[in-house]
Amino acid sequence: MRTAAKDTSGLLGQAWLRQQLGLAVPPPASEARLFAGARRTETDGDRTIELYPPGYAVESEVVAHLRFALRHEPTDIGIMVAAMKAIDPAVIEGWVLSEPSGAFSRRAWFFYETFVGRMLDLPDAAGGNYVGALDPGRHIVAGRRNSRRHRVVDNLLGGRGLCPVVRRTARLKRQMDLAVDGEARALVAAADPAVLARALGYLYAKETRSSFAIEGETPSAGRVERFVAALRAAPRLDPTDKAAMVALQAAIVDPRYAADDWRDFQTFVGETMGGHREVVHYVCPRPEDVPGLMEGWATLFDRLMDPAIDPVAAAAVASFAFVFIHPFEDGNGRIHRLLIHHVLARRGYSPDGLVLPVSAAIMRDRRGYDRVLEGFSGPLSGLVDWRWTGDREVVVANATGDLYRYFDATAFAEYLHERVLDAVRRDLGEELDFIALFDRALASVRSLVDMPDRRAVLLVQLCLQNDGRLSAAKRPLFAELSAGEVSAIEAAIQGAMAGR
């Protein structure tokens, strides 16, 4: 291949490809740059800047920067696919013919044919060890599927229809090493069966109400019951069955907004300001793209069930990819969070029959939840050409399907790991402890005064809410009790609180 002048403009690899090819995709989460100093890594918010000394400069041509990207960088699938669609196929053909057994040339060839969907004028690879499409040291990858034509291991999380990536960051490695599922199983194993049974009922209700609260809704008792039933049935759901997903949506929304198919209209996520002005936060995929995206989502989902993939990362990728497609008019957010429970249960991460109240943990960190959602929607805002119609409907003028197909899901995996940890240690652990405490306190009260159950329960609740004492304001509710009896009850409850 010809030799070009070294490119000393500053950008390297995928960032260079994005700029030089004019790719209408978000910037990479990890950006490589030349730097007149020693090799080092810097962070800028959620983005990583990899600084390379002048010795890493490469020729000012596409192949040189593709080689750099495949050798040194975690793969930004959005940039990689957009680059393959933008360059002349003869560039890849020439590279492969000059390096037929090269690991980087064969990976580029694999990406081209997989995502462009066009066979290049090349014979099947005859030599070279099999190499992963994604570097498993830099990415969460699926199990081995060999592409014999390229002698490449297709370890992608998804396929051409939908293929997010998850970088193996230091933070994600630490989170996976915590093995929070083991903590959950230990808590369940140590719990009294009667206490556990009561805790489970509470956790299902808490998860349901929290999931609605995230949407700003207060559900009726009937809607709570239907969603609890859906949560309990979540492990048996087949999310790749379109009919099952449509039925699920119908079961959890107001019957007037039940769907019988994927949406066939444009929609967006926004809010009304000042009672009249609508602000758009996120423009959803065009309706004509939804069927293909959901087919891609089904393929992605199947691959995420691979035991090689971290279960929490799998739950994050599946659930967030779903909500970004937004295949229904209503219920997408609740289904998104229900899918988290489905994946954790199906992958054996959640103890049998237990729902980890992830939505409750999200409610305690709404700012973090909104931040990761905006991390996806924000970069898209300048890439989606949309306008209002005269009827105040949104219309998208440009092709945007790939923006929703190929994205970096690392932040979602990290965020969900954080929330699962909080749900186990705070919601599950504290609820089991509280029920055990409540039972001790209630038994103590009953040993002192033979009260009706409802009144004894109320008395214990009021005392536990006030550090073991019945407040003066609540004292008239129990006028039948003497001052001595109240003092004895308070002492007994405080003893229960102290574990005595």
Protein backbone atom coordinates (compact mmCIF):
# COMPACT_ATOMS: atom_id res chain seq x y z
CA MET A 1 0.00 0.00 0.00
CA ARG A 2 1.15 3.54 -0.66
CA THR A 3 2.76 5.58 2.10
CA ALA A 4 1.20 8.94 2.96
CA ALA A 5 2.49 11.77 5.09
CA LYS A 6 2.07 11.44 8.83
CA ASP A 7 -1.06 13.15 10.15
CA THR A 8 -0.13 15.50 12.97
CA SER A 9 -3.46 17.38 13.10
CA GLY A 10 -4.29 15.95 16.52
CA LEU A 11 -7.12 13.46 16.23
CA LEU A 12 -6.51 9.73 15.86
CA GLY A 13 -8.54 6.65 15.03
CA GLN A 14 -12.29 6.90 15.38
CA ALA A 15 -12.35 10.60 16.24
CA TRP A 16 -10.34 11.30 13.05
CA LEU A 17 -12.70 9.13 10.98
CA ARG A 18 -15.73 10.94 12.37
CA GLN A 19 -14.27 14.34 11.56
CA GLN A 20 -12.62 13.63 8.20
CA LEU A 21 -15.49 11.58 6.79
CA GLY A 22 -18.11 14.01 8.10
CA LEU A 23 -20.00 11.25 9.92
CA ALA A 24 -23.33 12.34 11.40
CA VAL A 25 -22.94 10.30 14.58
CA PRO A 26 -22.24 11.19 18.23
CA PRO A 27 -18.58 11.57 19.24
CA PRO A 28 -16.82 8.53 20.73
CA ALA A 29 -16.92 8.04 24.49
CA SER A 30 -13.17 7.40 24.30
CA GLU A 31 -11.34 9.87 22.04
CA ALA A 32 -7.71 9.47 20.93
CA ARG A 33 -5.49 12.50 20.33
CA LEU A 34 -1.84 13.22 19.66
CA PHE A 35 -0.05 15.04 22.46
CA ALA A 36 3.44 16.48 22.84
CA GLY A 37 4.13 14.53 26.00
CA ALA A 38 4.02 11.09 27.61
CA ARG A 39 1.16 8.66 27.04
CA ARG A 40 -1.65 9.32 29.47
CA THR A 41 -5.42 9.18 30.01
CA GLU A 42 -7.63 12.09 31.03
CA THR A 43 -11.33 12.26 31.79
CA ASP A 44 -13.76 14.98 30.78
CA GLY A 45 -17.07 14.25 32.46
CA ASP A 46 -18.29 10.93 31.08
CA ARG A 47 -15.78 11.02 28.24
CA THR A 48 -12.25 9.65 28.21
CA ILE A 49 -9.40 11.39 26.38
CA GLU A 50 -6.53 9.09 25.44
CA LEU A 51 -3.39 11.13 24.78
CA TYR A 52 -0.64 9.61 22.63
CA PRO A 53 2.91 10.93 22.08
CA PRO A 54 4.03 11.93 18.54
CA GLY A 55 5.43 8.46 17.88
CA TYR A 56 1.85 7.21 17.47
CA ALA A 57 1.11 9.53 14.54
CA VAL A 58 -0.18 7.66 11.48
CA GLU A 59 -0.64 8.42 7.80
CA SER A 60 -3.41 10.79 6.82
CA GLU A 61 -5.61 8.11 5.26
CA VAL A 62 -8.61 6.02 6.19
CA VAL A 63 -6.85 2.65 6.48
CA ALA A 64 -4.19 4.03 8.82
CA HIS A 65 -6.79 5.43 11.20
CA LEU A 66 -8.95 2.31 10.95
CA ARG A 67 -5.91 0.25 11.88
CA PHE A 68 -5.17 2.56 14.82
CA ALA A 69 -8.78 2.31 16.01
CA LEU A 70 -8.89 -1.47 15.79
CA ARG A 71 -5.53 -1.81 17.48
CA HIS A 72 -5.70 0.76 20.27
CA GLU A 73 -9.31 1.80 20.92
CA PRO A 74 -12.52 0.28 22.24
CA THR A 75 -14.80 0.06 19.22
CA ASP A 76 -17.39 2.78 18.85
CA ILE A 77 -19.89 0.79 16.82
CA GLY A 78 -21.75 3.88 15.61
CA ILE A 79 -18.60 5.42 14.15
CA MET A 80 -17.34 2.10 12.79
CA VAL A 81 -20.58 1.36 10.94
CA ALA A 82 -20.93 4.92 9.63
CA ALA A 83 -17.32 4.85 8.41
CA MET A 84 -17.83 1.55 6.60
CA LYS A 85 -20.90 2.95 4.86
CA ALA A 86 -19.05 6.13 3.87
CA ILE A 87 -15.81 4.80 2.43
CA ASP A 88 -15.17 3.31 -0.99
CA PRO A 89 -15.36 -0.50 -0.72
CA ALA A 90 -12.19 -0.66 -2.81
CA VAL A 91 -10.34 0.73 0.22
CA ILE A 92 -11.22 -2.34 2.31
CA GLU A 93 -10.64 -4.70 -0.62
CA GLY A 94 -7.19 -3.24 -1.21
CA TRP A 95 -6.29 -3.50 2.47
CA VAL A 96 -7.37 -7.12 2.73
CA LEU A 97 -5.59 -8.10 -0.50
CA SER A 98 -2.37 -6.51 0.77
CA GLU A 99 -2.71 -8.15 4.23
CA PRO A 100 -4.90 -11.25 3.69
CA SER A 101 -4.08 -12.77 7.07
CA GLY A 102 -3.85 -9.51 9.02
CA ALA A 103 -5.99 -9.37 12.14
CA PHE A 104 -6.99 -5.71 11.66
CA SER A 105 -7.72 -5.99 7.94
CA ARG A 106 -9.94 -9.05 8.52
CA ARG A 107 -11.83 -7.33 11.33
CA ALA A 108 -12.45 -4.29 9.11
CA TRP A 109 -13.63 -6.63 6.34
CA PHE A 110 -15.98 -8.37 8.80
CA PHE A 111 -17.45 -5.05 9.96
CA TYR A 112 -17.94 -3.92 6.37
CA GLU A 113 -19.80 -6.99 5.16
CA THR A 114 -21.78 -7.44 8.40
CA PHE A 115 -23.09 -3.90 8.67
CA VAL A 116 -23.09 -2.61 5.10
CA GLY A 117 -24.65 -5.86 3.96
CA ARG A 118 -22.58 -6.10 0.78
CA MET A 119 -20.12 -8.84 -0.12
CA LEU A 120 -16.75 -7.50 -1.23
CA ASP A 121 -14.86 -8.91 -4.19
CA LEU A 122 -12.60 -11.01 -2.02
CA PRO A 123 -12.00 -14.74 -1.58
CA ASP A 124 -12.62 -16.28 1.83
CA ALA A 125 -9.75 -15.84 4.28
CA ALA A 126 -7.36 -18.77 4.06
CA GLY A 127 -4.98 -17.91 6.88
CA GLY A 128 -4.56 -16.09 10.16
CA ASN A 129 -5.73 -17.08 13.62
CA TYR A 130 -9.33 -16.33 14.51
CA VAL A 131 -9.61 -12.88 16.10
CA GLY A 132 -12.55 -11.34 17.95
CA ALA A 133 -14.61 -8.69 16.19
CA LEU A 134 -14.49 -6.85 19.52
CA ASP A 135 -11.48 -6.98 21.81
CA PRO A 136 -12.71 -8.89 24.92
CA GLY A 137 -10.18 -7.00 27.02
CA ARG A 138 -11.92 -3.74 26.15
CA HIS A 139 -15.56 -4.85 25.78
CA ILE A 140 -18.26 -7.02 27.30
CA VAL A 141 -18.63 -9.64 24.58
CA ALA A 142 -20.97 -12.48 23.68
CA GLY A 143 -19.93 -16.09 23.24
CA ARG A 144 -18.07 -17.41 20.23
CA ARG A 145 -19.72 -17.48 16.80
CA ASN A 146 -17.18 -18.02 14.04
CA SER A 147 -17.34 -16.14 10.76
CA ARG A 148 -15.35 -18.55 8.58
CA ARG A 149 -15.21 -16.18 5.64
CA HIS A 150 -13.24 -13.61 7.64
CA ARG A 151 -11.72 -15.93 10.26
CA VAL A 152 -13.23 -13.57 12.82
CA VAL A 153 -15.10 -14.48 16.01
CA ASP A 154 -18.45 -12.69 15.92
CA ASN A 155 -18.67 -11.80 19.61
CA LEU A 156 -20.96 -8.81 19.11
CA LEU A 157 -23.82 -8.29 21.55
CA GLY A 158 -26.26 -7.83 18.67
CA GLY A 159 -26.42 -7.89 14.91
CA ARG A 160 -26.91 -5.59 11.98
CA GLY A 161 -30.42 -4.63 13.11
CA LEU A 162 -29.35 -3.43 16.58
CA CYS A 163 -25.89 -3.63 18.11
CA PRO A 164 -24.91 -1.59 21.18
CA VAL A 165 -21.49 -2.02 22.79
CA VAL A 166 -20.39 -1.99 26.43
CA ARG A 167 -16.84 -0.98 27.23
CA ARG A 168 -15.07 -2.89 29.99
CA THR A 169 -14.26 0.18 32.09
CA ALA A 170 -12.44 0.09 35.41
CA ARG A 171 -15.66 1.14 37.14
CA LEU A 172 -17.67 -1.65 35.50
CA LYS A 173 -15.02 -4.21 36.39
CA ARG A 174 -15.19 -3.17 40.06
CA GLN A 175 -18.98 -3.40 40.00
CA MET A 176 -19.01 -6.86 38.46
CA ASP A 177 -16.44 -8.06 40.99
CA LEU A 178 -18.78 -7.16 43.87
CA ALA A 179 -21.01 -10.15 43.00
CA VAL A 180 -24.09 -8.48 44.49
CA ASP A 181 -26.24 -11.46 43.51
CA GLY A 182 -24.34 -13.47 46.13
CA GLU A 183 -25.23 -10.87 48.76
CA ALA A 184 -28.91 -11.12 47.80
CA ARG A 185 -28.92 -14.90 48.02
CA ALA A 186 -27.18 -14.78 51.42
CA LEU A 187 -29.82 -12.38 52.77
CA VAL A 188 -32.63 -14.60 51.50
CA ALA A 189 -31.04 -17.77 52.86
CA ALA A 190 -30.61 -16.22 56.31
CA ALA A 191 -34.17 -14.87 56.51
CA ASP A 192 -36.97 -16.57 58.40
CA PRO A 193 -39.36 -18.01 55.76
CA ALA A 194 -42.35 -16.18 57.22
CA VAL A 195 -40.46 -12.89 57.29
CA LEU A 196 -39.24 -13.45 53.73
CA ALA A 197 -42.75 -14.15 52.45
CA ARG A 198 -44.03 -10.88 53.90
CA ALA A 199 -41.01 -8.98 52.58
CA LEU A 200 -41.60 -10.29 49.06
CA GLY A 201 -45.15 -8.95 48.99
CA TYR A 202 -43.94 -5.56 50.13
CA LEU A 203 -41.08 -5.46 47.62
CA TYR A 204 -43.37 -6.26 44.68
CA ALA A 205 -45.73 -3.46 45.72
CA LYS A 206 -42.84 -1.07 46.30
CA GLU A 207 -41.34 -1.80 42.88
CA THR A 208 -44.72 -1.27 41.23
CA ARG A 209 -45.48 2.05 42.88
CA SER A 210 -41.93 3.28 42.26
CA SER A 211 -42.10 2.36 38.57
CA PHE A 212 -45.29 4.40 38.18
CA ALA A 213 -43.81 7.24 40.28
CA ILE A 214 -40.87 7.55 37.89
CA GLU A 215 -43.46 8.36 35.21
CA GLY A 216 -45.14 10.87 37.54
CA GLU A 217 -48.22 8.64 37.95
CA THR A 218 -50.20 7.50 40.98
CA PRO A 219 -51.84 4.23 39.92
CA SER A 220 -55.22 2.96 41.04
CA ALA A 221 -55.40 -0.20 43.14
CA GLY A 222 -56.43 -2.15 40.05
CA ARG A 223 -53.43 -0.95 38.02
CA VAL A 224 -51.12 -1.82 40.92
CA GLU A 225 -52.53 -5.34 41.02
CA ARG A 226 -52.10 -5.79 37.27
CA PHE A 227 -48.51 -4.58 37.34
CA VAL A 228 -47.64 -6.75 40.35
CA ALA A 229 -49.06 -9.71 38.43
CA ALA A 230 -46.92 -8.76 35.42
CA LEU A 231 -43.84 -8.53 37.64
CA ARG A 232 -44.51 -11.95 39.15
CA ALA A 233 -44.93 -13.39 35.67
CA ALA A 234 -41.86 -11.58 34.29
CA PRO A 235 -39.52 -14.60 34.50
CA ARG A 236 -41.87 -16.53 32.18
CA LEU A 237 -42.20 -13.74 29.62
CA ASP A 238 -40.80 -14.27 26.13
CA PRO A 239 -39.75 -10.74 25.12
CA THR A 240 -38.86 -11.87 21.60
CA ASP A 241 -42.51 -12.87 21.01
CA LYS A 242 -44.23 -9.79 19.59
CA ALA A 243 -47.68 -11.00 20.65
CA ALA A 244 -46.47 -11.46 24.22
CA MET A 245 -45.05 -7.93 24.34
CA VAL A 246 -48.23 -6.43 22.91
CA ALA A 247 -50.26 -8.35 25.50
CA LEU A 248 -47.96 -7.13 28.27
CA GLN A 249 -48.43 -3.52 27.20
CA ALA A 250 -52.20 -3.97 27.15
CA ALA A 251 -52.13 -5.46 30.66
CA ILE A 252 -50.29 -2.54 32.30
CA VAL A 253 -51.82 0.55 30.64
CA ASP A 254 -55.26 2.09 30.62
CA PRO A 255 -57.32 -0.10 28.25
CA ARG A 256 -58.01 2.95 26.07
CA TYR A 257 -54.30 3.13 25.19
CA ALA A 258 -53.68 -0.57 24.68
CA ALA A 259 -51.81 -1.30 21.43
CA ASP A 260 -52.36 -4.14 18.99
CA ASP A 261 -49.03 -3.66 17.18
CA TRP A 262 -45.84 -1.61 17.26
CA ARG A 263 -46.54 2.10 16.86
CA ASP A 264 -47.01 3.43 13.32
CA PHE A 265 -46.79 7.14 14.13
CA GLN A 266 -44.04 9.54 15.14
CA THR A 267 -43.70 10.27 18.84
CA PHE A 268 -41.39 12.05 21.24
CA VAL A 269 -40.69 12.44 24.94
CA GLY A 270 -41.17 15.94 26.30
CA GLU A 271 -43.05 18.13 28.71
CA THR A 272 -45.44 21.08 28.63
CA MET A 273 -43.97 24.30 30.00
CA GLY A 274 -46.17 27.06 31.35
CA GLY A 275 -49.30 25.17 30.42
CA HIS A 276 -48.95 25.78 26.68
CA ARG A 277 -45.40 25.43 25.31
CA GLU A 278 -44.21 21.89 24.63
CA VAL A 279 -40.51 21.10 25.05
CA VAL A 280 -39.08 18.07 23.24
CA HIS A 281 -36.43 16.13 25.17
CA TYR A 282 -36.15 13.09 22.93
CA VAL A 283 -37.36 12.36 19.41
CA CYS A 284 -38.10 8.65 19.06
CA PRO A 285 -37.22 6.58 15.97
CA ARG A 286 -39.34 7.12 12.89
CA PRO A 287 -42.34 4.77 12.70
CA GLU A 288 -41.02 3.12 9.53
CA ASP A 289 -37.85 2.15 11.44
CA VAL A 290 -39.63 0.59 14.43
CA PRO A 291 -40.38 -2.89 12.97
CA GLY A 292 -36.75 -3.38 11.88
CA LEU A 293 -35.43 -2.06 15.18
CA MET A 294 -37.66 -4.44 17.12
CA GLU A 295 -36.52 -7.35 14.96
CA GLY A 296 -32.95 -6.30 15.75
CA TRP A 297 -33.91 -6.00 19.42
CA ALA A 298 -35.15 -9.61 19.44
CA THR A 299 -31.81 -10.79 18.02
CA LEU A 300 -29.95 -8.63 20.53
CA PHE A 301 -32.05 -10.02 23.38
CA ASP A 302 -31.33 -13.61 22.43
CA ARG A 303 -27.59 -12.95 22.32
CA LEU A 304 -27.69 -11.18 25.68
CA MET A 305 -28.88 -14.40 27.28
CA ASP A 306 -25.41 -15.83 26.62
CA PRO A 307 -23.89 -16.93 29.97
CA ALA A 308 -20.65 -15.20 28.96
CA ILE A 309 -22.29 -11.78 29.38
CA ASP A 310 -22.58 -10.10 32.78
CA PRO A 311 -26.30 -10.37 33.74
CA VAL A 312 -26.66 -6.77 34.94
CA ALA A 313 -25.00 -5.43 31.79
CA ALA A 314 -27.32 -7.66 29.75
CA ALA A 315 -30.36 -6.29 31.61
CA ALA A 316 -29.18 -2.72 31.05
CA VAL A 317 -28.56 -3.16 27.33
CA ALA A 318 -31.86 -4.96 26.68
CA SER A 319 -34.02 -2.60 28.73
CA PHE A 320 -32.52 0.72 27.65
CA ALA A 321 -32.40 -0.30 23.98
CA PHE A 322 -36.11 -1.12 24.25
CA VAL A 323 -37.11 2.21 25.77
CA PHE A 324 -35.08 4.14 23.20
CA ILE A 325 -37.01 2.42 20.39
CA HIS A 326 -40.25 3.34 22.20
CA PRO A 327 -42.39 0.84 20.28
CA PHE A 328 -45.67 1.76 22.01
CA GLU A 329 -47.54 4.98 22.67
CA ASP A 330 -47.75 4.27 26.41
CA GLY A 331 -46.13 1.92 28.91
CA ASN A 332 -42.61 1.92 27.43
CA GLY A 333 -40.90 3.04 30.64
CA ARG A 334 -42.66 0.50 32.82
CA ILE A 335 -41.89 -2.30 30.35
CA HIS A 336 -38.28 -1.09 30.22
CA ARG A 337 -37.97 -1.55 33.97
CA LEU A 338 -39.91 -4.82 33.97
CA LEU A 339 -37.42 -6.14 31.41
CA ILE A 340 -34.65 -5.51 33.93
CA HIS A 341 -36.37 -7.95 36.29
CA HIS A 342 -36.98 -10.45 33.52
CA VAL A 343 -33.31 -10.57 32.54
CA LEU A 344 -32.03 -10.71 36.13
CA ALA A 345 -34.44 -13.55 36.90
CA ARG A 346 -33.84 -15.45 33.68
CA ARG A 347 -30.08 -15.20 34.06
CA GLY A 348 -30.32 -16.50 37.65
CA TYR A 349 -29.05 -13.26 39.16
CA SER A 350 -32.14 -12.56 41.29
CA PRO A 351 -33.04 -15.22 43.86
CA ASP A 352 -36.06 -17.29 42.79
CA GLY A 353 -39.35 -15.49 43.31
CA LEU A 354 -37.67 -12.27 44.43
CA VAL A 355 -37.95 -8.89 42.75
CA LEU A 356 -35.16 -6.45 43.52
CA PRO A 357 -36.89 -3.04 43.71
CA VAL A 358 -34.66 -1.34 41.17
CA SER A 359 -37.30 1.31 40.46
CA ALA A 360 -37.25 2.33 44.13
CA ALA A 361 -33.48 2.67 43.92
CA ILE A 362 -33.90 4.77 40.75
CA MET A 363 -36.42 7.01 42.55
CA ARG A 364 -33.73 7.79 45.11
CA ASP A 365 -31.42 8.81 42.27
CA ARG A 366 -33.67 10.46 39.69
CA ARG A 367 -30.91 12.87 38.75
CA GLY A 368 -28.57 10.01 37.88
CA TYR A 369 -31.32 8.23 35.90
CA ASP A 370 -32.11 11.38 33.95
CA ARG A 371 -28.39 11.95 33.35
CA VAL A 372 -27.81 8.56 31.72
CA LEU A 373 -30.94 8.97 29.60
CA GLU A 374 -29.77 12.41 28.53
CA GLY A 375 -26.36 10.92 27.77
CA PHE A 376 -28.10 9.10 24.93
CA SER A 377 -30.70 11.67 23.87
CA GLY A 378 -28.48 14.76 24.15
CA PRO A 379 -25.95 13.89 21.41
CA LEU A 380 -28.85 12.90 19.12
CA SER A 381 -30.56 16.28 19.41
CA GLY A 382 -28.35 17.92 16.81
CA LEU A 383 -28.45 14.92 14.46
CA VAL A 384 -32.21 14.43 14.14
CA ASP A 385 -33.78 16.90 11.67
CA TRP A 386 -37.29 17.32 13.06
CA ARG A 387 -39.95 20.00 12.90
CA TRP A 388 -43.44 20.78 14.19
CA THR A 389 -46.39 20.44 11.84
CA GLY A 390 -49.32 22.81 11.89
CA ASP A 391 -51.14 20.28 14.06
CA ARG A 392 -48.31 20.34 16.60
CA GLU A 393 -47.08 16.91 15.58
CA VAL A 394 -43.38 16.08 15.18
CA VAL A 395 -42.05 15.07 11.77
CA VAL A 396 -38.52 13.74 11.17
CA ALA A 397 -37.01 14.66 7.80
CA ASN A 398 -33.74 12.67 7.75
CA ALA A 399 -32.77 9.01 7.99
CA THR A 400 -32.03 8.35 11.66
CA GLY A 401 -32.35 4.58 12.12
CA ASP A 402 -28.65 3.93 12.69
CA LEU A 403 -28.53 6.45 15.54
CA TYR A 404 -30.74 4.08 17.55
CA ARG A 405 -29.14 0.86 16.26
CA TYR A 406 -25.51 1.48 17.13
CA PHE A 407 -24.62 3.16 20.40
CA ASP A 408 -22.43 2.88 23.47
CA ALA A 409 -24.38 1.39 26.39
CA THR A 410 -21.57 1.47 28.96
CA ALA A 411 -23.12 4.21 31.11
CA PHE A 412 -26.38 2.24 31.35
CA ALA A 413 -24.57 -0.90 32.54
CA GLU A 414 -22.65 1.10 35.15
CA TYR A 415 -25.78 2.89 36.33
CA LEU A 416 -27.84 -0.29 36.65
CA HIS A 417 -25.09 -2.03 38.60
CA GLU A 418 -25.18 0.91 41.02
CA ARG A 419 -28.96 0.75 41.42
CA VAL A 420 -29.02 -3.04 41.84
CA LEU A 421 -26.44 -2.74 44.62
CA ASP A 422 -28.58 -0.09 46.32
CA ALA A 423 -31.72 -2.23 45.94
CA VAL A 424 -30.04 -5.25 47.55
CA ARG A 425 -28.32 -3.47 50.42
CA ARG A 426 -30.98 -0.91 51.19
CA ASP A 427 -34.37 -2.21 50.09
CA LEU A 428 -33.94 -5.96 50.48
CA GLY A 429 -31.59 -5.90 53.45
CA GLU A 430 -33.39 -3.16 55.35
CA GLU A 431 -36.85 -4.58 54.66
CA LEU A 432 -35.90 -8.00 56.01
CA ASP A 433 -34.36 -6.35 59.07
CA PHE A 434 -37.40 -4.12 59.58
CA ILE A 435 -39.93 -6.96 59.41
CA ALA A 436 -37.91 -8.98 61.90
CA LEU A 437 -37.76 -5.93 64.18
CA PHE A 438 -41.48 -5.27 63.77
CA ASP A 439 -42.33 -8.84 64.71
CA ARG A 440 -40.15 -8.62 67.85
CA ALA A 441 -41.75 -5.32 68.83
CA LEU A 442 -45.28 -6.62 68.18
CA ALA A 443 -44.65 -9.75 70.22
CA SER A 444 -43.39 -7.57 73.09
CA VAL A 445 -46.52 -5.40 73.01
CA ARG A 446 -48.81 -8.42 72.96
CA SER A 447 -46.98 -9.88 75.97
CA LEU A 448 -47.87 -6.75 77.94
CA VAL A 449 -51.39 -5.89 76.74
CA ASP A 450 -53.94 -8.13 75.02
CA MET A 451 -54.86 -5.62 72.27
CA PRO A 452 -56.78 -6.18 69.01
CA ASP A 453 -54.34 -6.89 66.19
CA ARG A 454 -55.05 -3.73 64.19
CA ARG A 455 -54.53 -1.49 67.21
CA ALA A 456 -51.38 -3.31 68.28
CA VAL A 457 -49.94 -2.99 64.78
CA LEU A 458 -50.77 0.73 64.64
CA LEU A 459 -49.19 1.29 68.06
CA VAL A 460 -45.97 -0.44 67.03
CA GLN A 461 -45.85 1.50 63.76
CA LEU A 462 -46.25 4.83 65.53
CA CYS A 463 -43.58 4.00 68.09
CA LEU A 464 -41.08 2.76 65.50
CA GLN A 465 -41.57 5.99 63.57
CA ASN A 466 -40.64 7.97 66.69
CA ASP A 467 -37.52 6.19 68.01
CA GLY A 468 -39.54 3.72 70.07
CA ARG A 469 -41.78 6.24 71.80
CA LEU A 470 -45.45 7.13 71.41
CA SER A 471 -45.54 10.85 70.70
CA ALA A 472 -47.71 13.18 72.75
CA ALA A 473 -49.73 14.00 69.65
CA LYS A 474 -50.60 10.32 69.13
CA ARG A 475 -51.19 9.50 72.81
CA PRO A 476 -54.96 10.27 72.66
CA LEU A 477 -55.38 7.47 70.08
CA PHE A 478 -54.67 4.99 72.88
CA ALA A 479 -56.57 6.61 75.77
CA GLU A 480 -57.49 3.16 77.12
CA LEU A 481 -53.85 2.51 78.05
CA SER A 482 -52.48 3.69 81.37
CA ALA A 483 -49.33 5.75 81.60
CA GLY A 484 -47.57 2.75 83.11
CA GLU A 485 -48.64 0.49 80.27
CA VAL A 486 -47.43 3.00 77.68
CA SER A 487 -44.07 3.30 79.43
CA ALA A 488 -43.71 -0.49 79.56
CA ILE A 489 -44.64 -0.80 75.87
CA GLU A 490 -42.13 1.90 74.90
CA ALA A 491 -39.39 0.14 76.86
CA ALA A 492 -40.25 -3.18 75.21
CA ILE A 493 -40.19 -1.67 71.73
CA GLN A 494 -36.90 0.08 72.42
CA GLY A 495 -35.52 -3.23 73.60
CA ALA A 496 -36.66 -4.86 70.35
CA MET A 497 -34.96 -2.05 68.43
CA ALA A 498 -31.76 -2.76 70.32
CA GLY A 499 -32.02 -6.44 69.42
CA ARG A 500 -32.80 -7.56 72.97
